[in-house]
N, C-alpha and C. Protein backbone atom coordinates (compact mmCIF):
# COMPACT_ATOMS: atom_id res chain seq x y z
N UNK A 1 38.77 -157.03 31.36
CA UNK A 1 37.65 -156.22 31.83
C UNK A 1 37.96 -155.54 33.15
N UNK A 2 38.57 -156.28 34.06
CA UNK A 2 38.84 -155.72 35.38
C UNK A 2 39.89 -154.62 35.35
N UNK A 3 40.69 -154.57 34.29
CA UNK A 3 41.76 -153.59 34.19
C UNK A 3 41.35 -152.34 33.40
N UNK A 4 40.09 -152.27 33.00
CA UNK A 4 39.63 -151.11 32.23
C UNK A 4 39.70 -149.86 33.08
N UNK A 5 39.92 -148.74 32.41
CA UNK A 5 39.97 -147.46 33.09
C UNK A 5 38.65 -147.20 33.83
N UNK A 6 38.73 -146.78 35.06
CA UNK A 6 37.54 -146.43 35.85
C UNK A 6 36.95 -147.56 36.66
N UNK A 7 37.34 -148.81 36.40
CA UNK A 7 36.79 -149.94 37.15
C UNK A 7 37.35 -149.93 38.57
N UNK A 8 36.46 -149.87 39.55
CA UNK A 8 36.88 -149.82 40.95
C UNK A 8 36.68 -151.14 41.67
N UNK A 9 35.77 -151.95 41.18
CA UNK A 9 35.52 -153.28 41.74
C UNK A 9 35.32 -154.24 40.58
N UNK A 10 35.71 -155.48 40.82
CA UNK A 10 35.54 -156.49 39.79
C UNK A 10 35.39 -157.84 40.49
N UNK A 11 34.34 -158.57 40.15
CA UNK A 11 34.14 -159.87 40.79
C UNK A 11 33.27 -160.76 39.91
N UNK A 12 33.39 -162.06 40.14
CA UNK A 12 32.55 -163.03 39.44
C UNK A 12 31.21 -163.11 40.13
N UNK A 13 30.19 -163.45 39.35
CA UNK A 13 28.85 -163.59 39.92
C UNK A 13 28.20 -164.83 39.31
N UNK A 14 27.43 -165.51 40.14
CA UNK A 14 26.68 -166.68 39.70
C UNK A 14 25.20 -166.36 39.84
N UNK A 15 24.43 -166.68 38.83
CA UNK A 15 23.00 -166.42 38.85
C UNK A 15 22.29 -167.41 39.75
N UNK A 16 21.48 -166.89 40.67
CA UNK A 16 20.63 -167.72 41.49
C UNK A 16 19.26 -167.76 40.80
N UNK A 17 19.08 -168.76 39.94
CA UNK A 17 17.87 -168.83 39.12
C UNK A 17 16.60 -168.99 39.95
N UNK A 18 16.67 -169.72 41.05
CA UNK A 18 15.49 -169.89 41.91
C UNK A 18 15.07 -168.56 42.51
N UNK A 19 16.03 -167.79 42.97
CA UNK A 19 15.73 -166.48 43.54
C UNK A 19 15.14 -165.55 42.49
N UNK A 20 15.70 -165.59 41.28
CA UNK A 20 15.18 -164.75 40.21
C UNK A 20 13.72 -165.10 39.89
N UNK A 21 13.40 -166.37 39.84
CA UNK A 21 12.01 -166.79 39.57
C UNK A 21 11.08 -166.34 40.68
N UNK A 22 11.54 -166.41 41.94
CA UNK A 22 10.71 -165.97 43.06
C UNK A 22 10.42 -164.47 42.97
N UNK A 23 11.38 -163.70 42.46
CA UNK A 23 11.20 -162.25 42.38
C UNK A 23 10.08 -161.87 41.42
N UNK A 24 9.82 -162.72 40.46
CA UNK A 24 8.75 -162.43 39.49
C UNK A 24 7.38 -162.41 40.15
N UNK A 25 7.22 -163.06 41.29
CA UNK A 25 5.93 -163.10 41.97
C UNK A 25 5.90 -162.24 43.23
N UNK A 26 7.02 -161.65 43.59
CA UNK A 26 7.10 -160.81 44.79
C UNK A 26 7.43 -159.38 44.39
N UNK A 27 6.94 -158.46 45.14
CA UNK A 27 7.26 -157.06 44.89
C UNK A 27 8.02 -156.51 46.09
N UNK A 28 9.27 -156.97 46.24
CA UNK A 28 10.08 -156.48 47.35
C UNK A 28 11.52 -156.29 46.88
N UNK A 29 12.23 -155.45 47.59
CA UNK A 29 13.63 -155.19 47.26
C UNK A 29 14.52 -156.30 47.81
N UNK A 30 15.46 -156.73 46.99
CA UNK A 30 16.43 -157.75 47.38
C UNK A 30 17.82 -157.28 46.95
N UNK A 31 18.84 -157.87 47.57
CA UNK A 31 20.21 -157.53 47.19
C UNK A 31 20.49 -158.06 45.78
N UNK A 32 21.05 -157.20 44.94
CA UNK A 32 21.40 -157.61 43.58
C UNK A 32 22.59 -158.56 43.59
N UNK A 33 23.53 -158.34 44.51
CA UNK A 33 24.72 -159.17 44.66
C UNK A 33 24.91 -159.46 46.13
N UNK A 34 25.32 -160.67 46.46
CA UNK A 34 25.48 -161.03 47.87
C UNK A 34 26.58 -160.20 48.55
N UNK A 35 27.56 -159.74 47.79
CA UNK A 35 28.69 -159.02 48.38
C UNK A 35 28.52 -157.50 48.36
N UNK A 36 27.43 -157.00 47.80
CA UNK A 36 27.22 -155.55 47.69
C UNK A 36 25.88 -155.17 48.29
N UNK A 37 25.76 -153.93 48.75
CA UNK A 37 24.51 -153.47 49.35
C UNK A 37 23.67 -152.67 48.35
N UNK A 38 23.44 -153.25 47.19
CA UNK A 38 22.62 -152.64 46.16
C UNK A 38 21.34 -153.44 46.07
N UNK A 39 20.21 -152.76 46.23
CA UNK A 39 18.93 -153.47 46.24
C UNK A 39 18.09 -153.09 45.02
N UNK A 40 17.44 -154.11 44.47
CA UNK A 40 16.56 -153.93 43.31
C UNK A 40 15.27 -154.69 43.53
N UNK A 41 14.25 -154.28 42.78
CA UNK A 41 12.94 -154.94 42.84
C UNK A 41 12.51 -155.28 41.41
N UNK A 42 12.02 -156.49 41.22
CA UNK A 42 11.55 -156.93 39.91
C UNK A 42 10.46 -156.00 39.41
N UNK A 43 10.57 -155.60 38.14
CA UNK A 43 9.56 -154.75 37.51
C UNK A 43 8.80 -155.54 36.47
N UNK A 44 9.51 -156.07 35.46
CA UNK A 44 8.84 -156.88 34.45
C UNK A 44 9.83 -157.75 33.69
N UNK A 45 9.28 -158.65 32.89
CA UNK A 45 10.08 -159.59 32.12
C UNK A 45 9.47 -159.72 30.74
N UNK A 46 10.33 -159.77 29.73
CA UNK A 46 9.89 -160.00 28.36
C UNK A 46 10.84 -161.04 27.77
N UNK A 47 10.42 -162.29 27.76
CA UNK A 47 11.31 -163.37 27.30
C UNK A 47 12.45 -163.56 28.28
N UNK A 48 13.68 -163.34 27.82
CA UNK A 48 14.85 -163.48 28.70
C UNK A 48 15.40 -162.11 29.12
N UNK A 49 14.60 -161.05 28.95
CA UNK A 49 14.98 -159.67 29.29
C UNK A 49 14.24 -159.25 30.55
N UNK A 50 14.99 -158.85 31.58
CA UNK A 50 14.43 -158.49 32.88
C UNK A 50 14.67 -157.01 33.16
N UNK A 51 13.68 -156.38 33.78
CA UNK A 51 13.80 -154.99 34.21
C UNK A 51 13.58 -154.93 35.71
N UNK A 52 14.46 -154.19 36.39
CA UNK A 52 14.40 -154.02 37.84
C UNK A 52 14.40 -152.54 38.17
N UNK A 53 13.79 -152.20 39.30
CA UNK A 53 13.82 -150.83 39.80
C UNK A 53 14.67 -150.77 41.04
N UNK A 54 15.46 -149.70 41.16
CA UNK A 54 16.24 -149.48 42.36
C UNK A 54 15.48 -148.61 43.34
N UNK A 55 15.92 -148.59 44.58
CA UNK A 55 15.26 -147.77 45.59
C UNK A 55 15.33 -146.28 45.25
N UNK A 56 16.36 -145.92 44.50
CA UNK A 56 16.54 -144.52 44.14
C UNK A 56 15.86 -144.16 42.82
N UNK A 57 15.09 -145.09 42.24
CA UNK A 57 14.37 -144.82 41.00
C UNK A 57 15.16 -145.21 39.75
N UNK A 58 16.41 -145.59 39.90
CA UNK A 58 17.21 -146.01 38.76
C UNK A 58 16.65 -147.32 38.21
N UNK A 59 16.65 -147.47 36.91
CA UNK A 59 16.19 -148.71 36.30
C UNK A 59 17.38 -149.54 35.84
N UNK A 60 17.32 -150.83 36.08
CA UNK A 60 18.38 -151.76 35.72
C UNK A 60 17.82 -152.85 34.82
N UNK A 61 18.68 -153.40 33.95
CA UNK A 61 18.22 -154.43 33.02
C UNK A 61 19.22 -155.58 32.96
N UNK A 62 18.69 -156.76 32.73
CA UNK A 62 19.51 -157.96 32.53
C UNK A 62 18.93 -158.77 31.38
N UNK A 63 19.80 -159.32 30.57
CA UNK A 63 19.42 -160.31 29.58
C UNK A 63 20.14 -161.59 29.95
N UNK A 64 19.39 -162.66 30.07
CA UNK A 64 19.95 -163.94 30.50
C UNK A 64 19.74 -164.97 29.40
N UNK A 65 20.84 -165.58 28.99
CA UNK A 65 20.77 -166.61 27.95
C UNK A 65 21.30 -167.91 28.52
N UNK A 66 20.55 -168.97 28.31
CA UNK A 66 21.00 -170.29 28.76
C UNK A 66 22.01 -170.82 27.75
N UNK A 67 23.16 -171.25 28.25
CA UNK A 67 24.23 -171.79 27.41
C UNK A 67 24.60 -173.19 27.88
N UNK A 68 25.52 -173.79 27.18
CA UNK A 68 25.95 -175.17 27.46
C UNK A 68 26.43 -175.36 28.91
N UNK A 69 27.24 -174.44 29.43
CA UNK A 69 27.80 -174.58 30.77
C UNK A 69 27.08 -173.77 31.83
N UNK A 70 25.96 -173.17 31.49
CA UNK A 70 25.20 -172.37 32.45
C UNK A 70 24.78 -171.05 31.83
N UNK A 71 24.11 -170.20 32.60
CA UNK A 71 23.59 -168.95 32.06
C UNK A 71 24.69 -167.92 31.78
N UNK A 72 24.47 -167.15 30.72
CA UNK A 72 25.28 -165.97 30.43
C UNK A 72 24.42 -164.75 30.73
N UNK A 73 25.00 -163.79 31.43
CA UNK A 73 24.26 -162.60 31.85
C UNK A 73 24.90 -161.37 31.22
N UNK A 74 24.05 -160.50 30.68
CA UNK A 74 24.50 -159.21 30.15
C UNK A 74 23.56 -158.15 30.71
N UNK A 75 24.11 -157.02 31.13
CA UNK A 75 23.25 -155.94 31.59
C UNK A 75 23.95 -155.03 32.55
N UNK A 76 23.14 -154.24 33.25
CA UNK A 76 23.70 -153.30 34.22
C UNK A 76 22.72 -153.10 35.37
N UNK A 77 23.29 -152.96 36.54
CA UNK A 77 22.54 -152.62 37.74
C UNK A 77 23.00 -151.22 38.13
N UNK A 78 22.08 -150.29 38.16
CA UNK A 78 22.42 -148.89 38.43
C UNK A 78 22.04 -148.49 39.85
N UNK A 79 22.88 -147.67 40.43
CA UNK A 79 22.60 -147.11 41.76
C UNK A 79 22.93 -145.62 41.72
N UNK A 80 22.61 -144.92 42.78
CA UNK A 80 22.94 -143.49 42.85
C UNK A 80 24.45 -143.27 42.76
N UNK A 81 25.23 -144.23 43.24
CA UNK A 81 26.68 -144.07 43.30
C UNK A 81 27.40 -144.45 42.03
N UNK A 82 26.82 -145.37 41.23
CA UNK A 82 27.52 -145.83 40.04
C UNK A 82 26.77 -146.95 39.33
N UNK A 83 27.51 -147.66 38.49
CA UNK A 83 26.90 -148.71 37.69
C UNK A 83 27.71 -150.00 37.78
N UNK A 84 26.99 -151.10 37.93
CA UNK A 84 27.56 -152.44 37.92
C UNK A 84 27.24 -153.05 36.56
N UNK A 85 28.26 -153.21 35.72
CA UNK A 85 28.07 -153.84 34.41
C UNK A 85 28.34 -155.32 34.54
N UNK A 86 27.48 -156.12 33.94
CA UNK A 86 27.59 -157.57 34.02
C UNK A 86 27.72 -158.11 32.60
N UNK A 87 28.68 -158.98 32.41
CA UNK A 87 28.81 -159.63 31.11
C UNK A 87 29.43 -161.00 31.26
N UNK A 88 29.09 -161.85 30.31
CA UNK A 88 29.60 -163.22 30.31
C UNK A 88 31.10 -163.19 30.00
N UNK A 89 31.82 -164.11 30.60
CA UNK A 89 33.26 -164.21 30.33
C UNK A 89 33.59 -165.53 29.65
N UNK A 90 32.56 -166.24 29.17
CA UNK A 90 32.77 -167.47 28.42
C UNK A 90 31.63 -167.62 27.42
N UNK A 91 31.94 -167.96 26.19
CA UNK A 91 30.89 -168.12 25.18
C UNK A 91 29.98 -169.31 25.48
N UNK A 92 30.46 -170.24 26.31
CA UNK A 92 29.66 -171.41 26.67
C UNK A 92 28.80 -171.19 27.91
N UNK A 93 28.91 -170.00 28.51
CA UNK A 93 28.11 -169.68 29.68
C UNK A 93 28.73 -170.16 30.98
N UNK A 94 28.04 -169.87 32.07
CA UNK A 94 28.48 -170.30 33.38
C UNK A 94 29.52 -169.41 34.03
N UNK A 95 30.06 -168.46 33.31
CA UNK A 95 31.06 -167.53 33.83
C UNK A 95 30.59 -166.11 33.54
N UNK A 96 30.35 -165.34 34.60
CA UNK A 96 29.87 -163.97 34.46
C UNK A 96 30.66 -163.07 35.39
N UNK A 97 31.02 -161.91 34.89
CA UNK A 97 31.85 -160.98 35.66
C UNK A 97 31.13 -159.64 35.81
N UNK A 98 31.33 -159.01 36.96
CA UNK A 98 30.74 -157.71 37.25
C UNK A 98 31.86 -156.71 37.42
N UNK A 99 31.73 -155.56 36.77
CA UNK A 99 32.65 -154.45 37.00
C UNK A 99 31.83 -153.27 37.52
N UNK A 100 32.38 -152.58 38.50
CA UNK A 100 31.71 -151.42 39.07
C UNK A 100 32.51 -150.17 38.76
N UNK A 101 31.80 -149.15 38.27
CA UNK A 101 32.40 -147.85 38.01
C UNK A 101 31.55 -146.79 38.70
N UNK A 102 32.19 -145.97 39.49
CA UNK A 102 31.51 -144.90 40.21
C UNK A 102 31.10 -143.79 39.24
N UNK A 103 29.99 -143.14 39.54
CA UNK A 103 29.57 -141.99 38.73
C UNK A 103 30.62 -140.88 38.75
N UNK A 104 31.38 -140.79 39.83
CA UNK A 104 32.43 -139.77 39.92
C UNK A 104 33.47 -139.92 38.82
N UNK A 105 33.74 -141.15 38.41
CA UNK A 105 34.72 -141.37 37.35
C UNK A 105 34.32 -140.62 36.09
N UNK A 106 33.05 -140.68 35.72
CA UNK A 106 32.59 -140.05 34.49
C UNK A 106 32.55 -138.52 34.62
N UNK A 107 32.20 -138.01 35.80
CA UNK A 107 32.13 -136.56 35.97
C UNK A 107 33.51 -135.93 36.06
N UNK A 108 34.54 -136.72 36.38
CA UNK A 108 35.90 -136.19 36.50
C UNK A 108 36.70 -136.25 35.20
N UNK A 109 36.13 -136.82 34.16
CA UNK A 109 36.83 -136.89 32.88
C UNK A 109 36.92 -135.51 32.24
N UNK A 110 38.05 -135.21 31.64
CA UNK A 110 38.22 -133.94 30.96
C UNK A 110 37.46 -133.91 29.64
N UNK A 111 37.38 -135.07 29.00
CA UNK A 111 36.72 -135.16 27.71
C UNK A 111 35.86 -136.42 27.70
N UNK A 112 34.68 -136.39 27.08
CA UNK A 112 33.85 -137.61 27.02
C UNK A 112 34.56 -138.78 26.35
N UNK A 113 35.54 -138.50 25.50
CA UNK A 113 36.28 -139.56 24.82
C UNK A 113 37.31 -140.25 25.72
N UNK A 114 37.57 -139.69 26.90
CA UNK A 114 38.56 -140.28 27.81
C UNK A 114 38.15 -141.66 28.29
N UNK A 115 36.87 -141.96 28.30
CA UNK A 115 36.40 -143.25 28.81
C UNK A 115 36.48 -144.35 27.77
N UNK A 116 36.77 -144.01 26.55
CA UNK A 116 36.79 -145.01 25.46
C UNK A 116 38.11 -145.75 25.47
């Protein structure tokens, strides 16, 4: 995943379940990742599907599934500059990886198929 074309950052992430639960009752912006300055605010939840709003109006989504070794996270956090894709790296959970791709990468492609 980290070696895919266009990936500029790649790091592991651990879900802070307590913080996520607190966000459901608060309407304030918080950092999506401790190592990045991307802020989101809880919008709504439907089962294990979460929707967040960014300061720039971008909408982000996460699906969280509880697994044997911990949560598996799938989704994306969007910002004006690019997108942080999150996906599990173990079928048993507990391992989640984030890749960041700048919007510039997509606008600089000669063909839409170049990203495949």
